[in-house]
Amino acid sequence: MTDSGRPAPASPSYGARAARGNRPRRPAAAWLAAWLPLLVAPWLVPLLAPREWPRWVVMWLLAFVIFCGCKWLTYRAACRRKVPLWRQLGYLFAWPGLDASAFLKADARGPVVAPSLAEWLFALGKLAAGCGLLYGLVPIVPAAHPYLVGWVGMIGVVLVLHFGSFHLLSCAWRAAGVEARPLMNRPLAATSLADFWGTRWNTAFRDLTHRFLFRPLASWLGPRVAVVAGFAFSGVVHDVVISWPAGGGYGGPTGFFLLQGAGILAERSGVGRAAGLGRTWRGWLFVMAILLGPATLLFHRPFVIGIVIPFLATLGAL
């Protein structure tokens, strides 16, 4: 009570705490704003893309739209308080990674180590090797073997983009003091499938699925189910991007990724550990067998012939 006999006003701090307590931690509107582009935009591609467009254009457009949805989701979920605008724009438009927390938060994991001259040269070398495959080797592979031509071309494209250009971009950001680790981390050195998919191959997609799929499912259904669900999701995404534009090979990419999940469970089992899977040369051989053996399920003939070959011709490699 006050001296005048009137009730004392409520404490502002108490009122603020009460308001925060009644407010949902993650409002439906915020969830919808984060997920809507990823859930809706990919469906617009088959609806709006002109039928006369080459199928490789539709494939790249679909992949780009899905990537933008993933990028927006990670951006919305990251803490952006006091993050400079240039850094936010850099994450959205000038970095293919999906670890927004590391990229946007200054010194989040200690001082960023600038790349050495040797790393710059290594990235340039991979870019040059990819160009060599595209414009040196692809033209001399016998045209009577278009599936082989397509595979050589795909390796060249991956070297140019993921191993070369994206590595150079990583070097540039780290030289500027921004945490942007390379998306490819010596994948051929992996001695386990968990190591290959978890820390070495296209870590951008791994960052996304680990945070938004694996961790929630692992806490709910357990890690084994979460592993299978994560690879099933990857398979469906690749089926949409690869098989649908190619008009064939449906289910191949999903089957490939389900095999990867089964391989991880096998190498973590008692029998797998006793057989030496997940480590040393036995683990490396197992990784290569599970990756390379069913690789034709992922990059099936309809995709290579119908998408990759016309794309290589557009690039001037054929």
Protein backbone atom coordinates (compact mmCIF):
# COMPACT_ATOMS: atom_id res chain seq x y z
CA MET A 1 0.00 0.00 0.00
CA THR A 2 1.10 3.61 -0.67
CA ASP A 3 0.88 6.44 1.85
CA SER A 4 -2.42 7.50 0.21
CA GLY A 5 -3.94 4.07 0.85
CA ARG A 6 -3.95 3.02 -2.79
CA PRO A 7 -2.54 -0.38 -3.83
CA ALA A 8 1.10 -0.26 -4.87
CA PRO A 9 1.66 -0.76 -8.61
CA ALA A 10 2.99 -4.11 -9.71
CA SER A 11 6.73 -4.39 -10.08
CA PRO A 12 7.72 -3.78 -13.72
CA SER A 13 10.22 -6.59 -13.56
CA TYR A 14 7.57 -8.99 -12.26
CA GLY A 15 5.15 -7.92 -14.96
CA ALA A 16 7.74 -8.41 -17.66
CA ARG A 17 8.61 -11.85 -16.33
CA ALA A 18 4.95 -12.81 -16.22
CA ALA A 19 4.45 -11.66 -19.79
CA ARG A 20 7.45 -13.66 -20.91
CA GLY A 21 6.20 -16.69 -19.03
CA ASN A 22 2.83 -16.57 -20.79
CA ARG A 23 4.33 -16.06 -24.23
CA PRO A 24 5.08 -19.25 -26.22
CA ARG A 25 8.79 -19.88 -26.60
CA ARG A 26 8.51 -20.49 -30.32
CA PRO A 27 5.32 -18.96 -31.74
CA ALA A 28 3.64 -20.67 -34.64
CA ALA A 29 4.12 -17.57 -36.76
CA ALA A 30 7.89 -17.69 -36.27
CA TRP A 31 7.99 -21.41 -37.09
CA LEU A 32 5.95 -20.82 -40.23
CA ALA A 33 8.16 -17.92 -41.32
CA ALA A 34 11.24 -20.14 -41.01
CA TRP A 35 9.89 -23.27 -42.69
CA LEU A 36 7.47 -21.89 -45.29
CA PRO A 37 9.99 -21.27 -48.11
CA LEU A 38 11.41 -24.78 -47.81
CA LEU A 39 7.97 -26.41 -47.63
CA VAL A 40 6.32 -24.44 -50.43
CA ALA A 41 8.88 -23.09 -52.91
CA PRO A 42 10.08 -26.46 -54.35
CA TRP A 43 6.52 -27.28 -55.41
CA LEU A 44 6.38 -24.11 -57.47
CA VAL A 45 9.19 -25.24 -59.78
CA PRO A 46 7.25 -28.00 -61.57
CA LEU A 47 4.19 -25.78 -61.65
CA LEU A 48 5.83 -22.67 -63.08
CA ALA A 49 8.84 -23.93 -65.06
CA PRO A 50 8.11 -23.78 -68.82
CA ARG A 51 7.97 -27.20 -70.47
CA GLU A 52 10.43 -26.14 -73.14
CA TRP A 53 13.21 -25.53 -70.62
CA PRO A 54 16.05 -28.08 -70.73
CA ARG A 55 15.79 -30.63 -67.96
CA TRP A 56 19.19 -29.69 -66.57
CA VAL A 57 17.92 -26.13 -66.04
CA VAL A 58 14.96 -27.47 -64.07
CA MET A 59 17.32 -29.67 -62.03
CA TRP A 60 19.59 -26.75 -61.07
CA LEU A 61 16.61 -24.51 -60.36
CA LEU A 62 15.05 -27.10 -58.10
CA ALA A 63 18.34 -27.64 -56.26
CA PHE A 64 18.79 -23.88 -55.87
CA VAL A 65 15.26 -23.36 -54.52
CA ILE A 66 15.68 -26.14 -51.96
CA PHE A 67 19.07 -24.77 -50.94
CA CYS A 68 17.61 -21.27 -50.47
CA GLY A 69 14.88 -22.72 -48.27
CA CYS A 70 17.48 -24.51 -46.15
CA LYS A 71 19.61 -21.38 -45.98
CA TRP A 72 16.66 -19.28 -44.80
CA LEU A 73 15.72 -21.90 -42.19
CA THR A 74 19.20 -21.91 -40.65
CA TYR A 75 19.40 -18.11 -40.80
CA ARG A 76 16.10 -17.68 -38.97
CA ALA A 77 17.13 -20.18 -36.29
CA ALA A 78 20.50 -18.52 -35.61
CA CYS A 79 21.12 -15.76 -33.11
CA ARG A 80 21.63 -12.57 -35.12
CA ARG A 81 21.78 -10.08 -32.27
CA LYS A 82 24.54 -7.51 -32.82
CA VAL A 83 25.69 -9.29 -35.97
CA PRO A 84 26.77 -6.73 -38.61
CA LEU A 85 24.57 -6.51 -41.68
CA TRP A 86 27.46 -7.31 -44.02
CA ARG A 87 28.04 -10.58 -42.19
CA GLN A 88 24.36 -11.56 -42.42
CA LEU A 89 24.28 -10.75 -46.14
CA GLY A 90 27.50 -12.67 -46.60
CA TYR A 91 25.96 -15.76 -45.03
CA LEU A 92 22.81 -15.48 -47.11
CA PHE A 93 24.36 -14.70 -50.49
CA ALA A 94 28.08 -15.45 -50.47
CA TRP A 95 28.57 -18.70 -48.57
CA PRO A 96 27.19 -22.16 -49.47
CA GLY A 97 27.54 -23.56 -45.94
CA LEU A 98 24.60 -24.02 -43.57
CA ASP A 99 26.26 -23.57 -40.17
CA ALA A 100 24.76 -20.16 -39.45
CA SER A 101 25.73 -20.15 -35.77
CA ALA A 102 29.44 -20.40 -36.55
CA PHE A 103 29.40 -17.98 -39.48
CA LEU A 104 27.35 -15.25 -37.79
CA LYS A 105 28.76 -15.34 -34.28
CA ALA A 106 32.13 -13.60 -34.02
CA ASP A 107 34.79 -15.70 -32.29
CA ALA A 108 32.18 -18.35 -31.49
CA ARG A 109 34.82 -21.08 -31.44
CA GLY A 110 37.93 -19.12 -30.69
CA PRO A 111 40.04 -17.04 -33.07
CA VAL A 112 39.68 -18.02 -36.71
CA VAL A 113 42.90 -19.42 -38.17
CA ALA A 114 43.68 -17.81 -41.51
CA PRO A 115 44.41 -20.25 -44.36
CA SER A 116 48.01 -20.84 -45.30
CA LEU A 117 49.47 -20.25 -48.74
CA ALA A 118 49.62 -24.02 -49.19
CA GLU A 119 45.86 -24.30 -48.59
CA TRP A 120 45.14 -21.54 -51.13
CA LEU A 121 47.27 -23.37 -53.69
CA PHE A 122 45.63 -26.70 -52.86
CA ALA A 123 42.17 -25.23 -53.49
CA LEU A 124 43.36 -23.70 -56.75
CA GLY A 125 44.83 -27.04 -57.76
CA LYS A 126 41.51 -28.80 -57.27
CA LEU A 127 39.76 -26.14 -59.31
CA ALA A 128 42.33 -26.58 -62.08
CA ALA A 129 41.99 -30.38 -61.93
CA GLY A 130 38.23 -30.07 -62.36
CA CYS A 131 38.64 -27.81 -65.38
CA GLY A 132 41.17 -30.28 -66.77
CA LEU A 133 38.67 -33.11 -66.51
CA LEU A 134 35.87 -31.06 -68.06
CA TYR A 135 37.77 -29.59 -70.98
CA GLY A 136 40.68 -32.01 -71.34
CA LEU A 137 39.43 -35.50 -70.57
CA VAL A 138 35.68 -35.37 -71.27
CA PRO A 139 36.13 -34.48 -74.98
CA ILE A 140 38.39 -37.48 -75.60
CA VAL A 141 36.28 -40.11 -73.82
CA PRO A 142 34.64 -42.20 -76.59
CA ALA A 143 31.18 -40.86 -77.37
CA ALA A 144 30.02 -44.46 -77.71
CA HIS A 145 30.11 -44.63 -73.90
CA PRO A 146 27.93 -41.68 -72.84
CA TYR A 147 27.45 -43.02 -69.30
CA LEU A 148 31.23 -42.93 -68.79
CA VAL A 149 31.41 -39.46 -70.35
CA GLY A 150 28.77 -38.26 -67.91
CA TRP A 151 30.56 -39.69 -64.89
CA VAL A 152 33.86 -38.08 -65.84
CA GLY A 153 32.02 -34.81 -66.34
CA MET A 154 30.27 -35.07 -62.97
CA ILE A 155 33.58 -35.60 -61.20
CA GLY A 156 34.93 -32.52 -62.97
CA VAL A 157 31.93 -30.41 -61.92
CA VAL A 158 32.25 -31.51 -58.28
CA LEU A 159 35.97 -30.69 -58.31
CA VAL A 160 35.29 -27.25 -59.76
CA LEU A 161 32.44 -26.39 -57.37
CA HIS A 162 32.64 -28.23 -54.04
CA PHE A 163 36.35 -28.95 -53.87
CA GLY A 164 37.74 -25.94 -55.71
CA SER A 165 35.50 -22.86 -55.78
CA PHE A 166 33.85 -23.47 -52.40
CA HIS A 167 37.24 -24.16 -50.80
CA LEU A 168 38.59 -20.89 -52.19
CA LEU A 169 35.53 -19.11 -50.81
CA SER A 170 36.18 -20.73 -47.42
CA CYS A 171 39.77 -19.47 -47.53
CA ALA A 172 38.58 -15.95 -48.36
CA TRP A 173 36.10 -15.83 -45.47
CA ARG A 174 38.58 -17.25 -42.96
CA ALA A 175 41.19 -14.75 -44.13
CA ALA A 176 38.59 -12.08 -43.25
CA GLY A 177 38.15 -13.58 -39.76
CA VAL A 178 34.87 -15.41 -40.37
CA GLU A 179 34.41 -19.06 -39.35
CA ALA A 180 33.65 -20.80 -42.65
CA ARG A 181 35.20 -24.24 -42.64
CA PRO A 182 35.55 -26.06 -45.98
CA LEU A 183 32.55 -28.13 -47.00
CA MET A 184 34.79 -31.00 -48.11
CA ASN A 185 37.35 -32.37 -45.66
CA ARG A 186 39.49 -35.02 -47.37
CA PRO A 187 36.59 -37.49 -47.84
CA LEU A 188 38.81 -40.22 -49.30
CA ALA A 189 40.61 -40.45 -45.93
CA ALA A 190 37.46 -41.59 -44.10
CA THR A 191 37.76 -44.93 -42.32
CA SER A 192 34.07 -45.09 -41.37
CA LEU A 193 30.80 -44.13 -43.01
CA ALA A 194 29.93 -42.05 -39.96
CA ASP A 195 33.15 -40.12 -40.43
CA PHE A 196 32.56 -39.73 -44.17
CA TRP A 197 29.00 -38.42 -43.95
CA GLY A 198 29.39 -36.66 -40.61
CA THR A 199 32.60 -34.67 -40.96
CA ARG A 200 34.05 -35.04 -44.45
CA TRP A 201 31.49 -34.94 -47.27
CA ASN A 202 29.33 -31.86 -47.91
CA THR A 203 29.19 -30.76 -44.30
CA ALA A 204 26.63 -28.09 -45.22
CA PHE A 205 23.88 -30.69 -45.64
CA ARG A 206 25.11 -32.56 -42.57
CA ASP A 207 24.86 -29.37 -40.45
CA LEU A 208 21.26 -28.93 -41.55
CA THR A 209 20.04 -32.50 -41.03
CA HIS A 210 21.91 -32.94 -37.75
CA ARG A 211 20.31 -29.90 -36.15
CA PHE A 212 16.80 -30.02 -37.56
CA LEU A 213 16.28 -33.76 -38.04
CA PHE A 214 18.74 -36.03 -36.25
CA ARG A 215 18.83 -34.34 -32.84
CA PRO A 216 15.03 -33.97 -32.45
CA LEU A 217 14.39 -37.54 -33.64
CA ALA A 218 17.22 -38.99 -31.54
CA SER A 219 15.74 -37.52 -28.36
CA TRP A 220 12.31 -38.85 -29.31
CA LEU A 221 12.89 -42.19 -31.05
CA GLY A 222 16.53 -42.97 -30.34
CA PRO A 223 19.71 -42.56 -32.39
CA ARG A 224 19.26 -45.64 -34.59
CA VAL A 225 15.90 -44.52 -35.91
CA ALA A 226 17.24 -40.98 -36.27
CA VAL A 227 20.14 -42.21 -38.43
CA VAL A 228 17.80 -44.11 -40.77
CA ALA A 229 15.34 -41.20 -40.92
CA GLY A 230 18.13 -38.74 -41.73
CA PHE A 231 19.38 -40.83 -44.64
CA ALA A 232 15.84 -41.48 -45.85
CA PHE A 233 15.27 -37.72 -45.92
CA SER A 234 18.50 -37.24 -47.89
CA GLY A 235 17.39 -39.92 -50.33
CA VAL A 236 14.00 -38.32 -50.92
CA VAL A 237 15.59 -34.90 -51.50
CA HIS A 238 18.02 -36.37 -54.02
CA ASP A 239 15.23 -38.29 -55.72
CA VAL A 240 13.33 -35.02 -56.13
CA VAL A 241 16.36 -33.16 -57.51
CA ILE A 242 17.84 -35.99 -59.59
CA SER A 243 15.14 -38.46 -60.62
CA TRP A 244 12.19 -36.16 -61.18
CA PRO A 245 13.90 -33.85 -63.72
CA ALA A 246 15.44 -36.91 -65.42
CA GLY A 247 12.08 -38.61 -65.69
CA GLY A 248 13.42 -41.96 -64.48
CA GLY A 249 15.49 -43.81 -61.93
CA TYR A 250 12.92 -43.18 -59.23
CA GLY A 251 13.83 -44.67 -55.87
CA GLY A 252 17.49 -45.16 -56.76
CA PRO A 253 18.83 -42.22 -54.71
CA THR A 254 16.61 -43.13 -51.77
CA GLY A 255 17.86 -46.71 -51.92
CA PHE A 256 21.47 -45.49 -52.04
CA PHE A 257 21.10 -43.37 -48.91
CA LEU A 258 19.20 -46.06 -47.02
CA LEU A 259 22.18 -48.34 -47.72
CA GLN A 260 24.45 -45.70 -46.20
CA GLY A 261 22.34 -45.60 -43.05
CA ALA A 262 22.33 -49.40 -42.86
CA GLY A 263 26.12 -49.37 -43.32
CA ILE A 264 26.57 -46.98 -40.38
CA LEU A 265 24.43 -49.19 -38.16
CA ALA A 266 26.43 -52.23 -39.31
CA GLU A 267 29.80 -50.71 -38.52
CA ARG A 268 28.54 -49.66 -35.07
CA SER A 269 27.20 -53.13 -34.27
CA GLY A 270 29.10 -55.67 -32.23
CA VAL A 271 29.82 -57.74 -35.31
CA GLY A 272 31.00 -54.68 -37.22
CA ARG A 273 33.35 -53.59 -34.46
CA ALA A 274 34.73 -57.11 -34.15
CA ALA A 275 35.38 -57.14 -37.91
CA GLY A 276 37.35 -53.90 -37.65
CA LEU A 277 34.78 -51.70 -39.38
CA GLY A 278 34.92 -48.02 -38.58
CA ARG A 279 38.72 -47.91 -38.31
CA THR A 280 41.99 -48.76 -40.06
CA TRP A 281 42.20 -50.19 -43.58
CA ARG A 282 39.24 -52.54 -43.07
CA GLY A 283 37.02 -49.57 -42.31
CA TRP A 284 38.32 -47.72 -45.37
CA LEU A 285 37.59 -50.69 -47.64
CA PHE A 286 34.09 -50.96 -46.21
CA VAL A 287 33.48 -47.25 -46.83
CA MET A 288 34.62 -47.51 -50.44
CA ALA A 289 32.49 -50.62 -51.03
CA ILE A 290 29.30 -49.07 -49.63
CA LEU A 291 29.89 -45.78 -51.45
CA LEU A 292 31.13 -46.90 -54.84
CA GLY A 293 29.30 -50.21 -55.23
CA PRO A 294 25.76 -48.76 -55.31
CA ALA A 295 26.77 -45.34 -56.71
CA THR A 296 24.84 -46.08 -59.91
CA LEU A 297 21.65 -46.01 -57.83
CA LEU A 298 22.35 -42.39 -56.93
CA PHE A 299 23.54 -41.16 -60.33
CA HIS A 300 21.50 -43.49 -62.47
CA ARG A 301 21.54 -43.72 -66.24
CA PRO A 302 18.43 -41.54 -66.89
CA PHE A 303 20.06 -38.73 -64.92
CA VAL A 304 23.51 -39.05 -66.49
CA ILE A 305 22.20 -39.32 -70.06
CA GLY A 306 19.25 -36.95 -69.80
CA ILE A 307 20.68 -34.26 -67.50
CA VAL A 308 24.46 -34.44 -67.24
CA ILE A 309 25.31 -34.93 -70.93
CA PRO A 310 23.22 -31.94 -72.15
CA PHE A 311 24.66 -29.84 -69.33
CA LEU A 312 28.22 -30.74 -70.34
CA ALA A 313 27.38 -29.78 -73.91
CA THR A 314 26.11 -26.39 -72.70
CA LEU A 315 29.36 -25.88 -70.78
CA GLY A 316 31.27 -26.50 -73.99
CA ALA A 317 32.91 -29.68 -72.68
CA LEU A 318 31.43 -31.78 -75.53
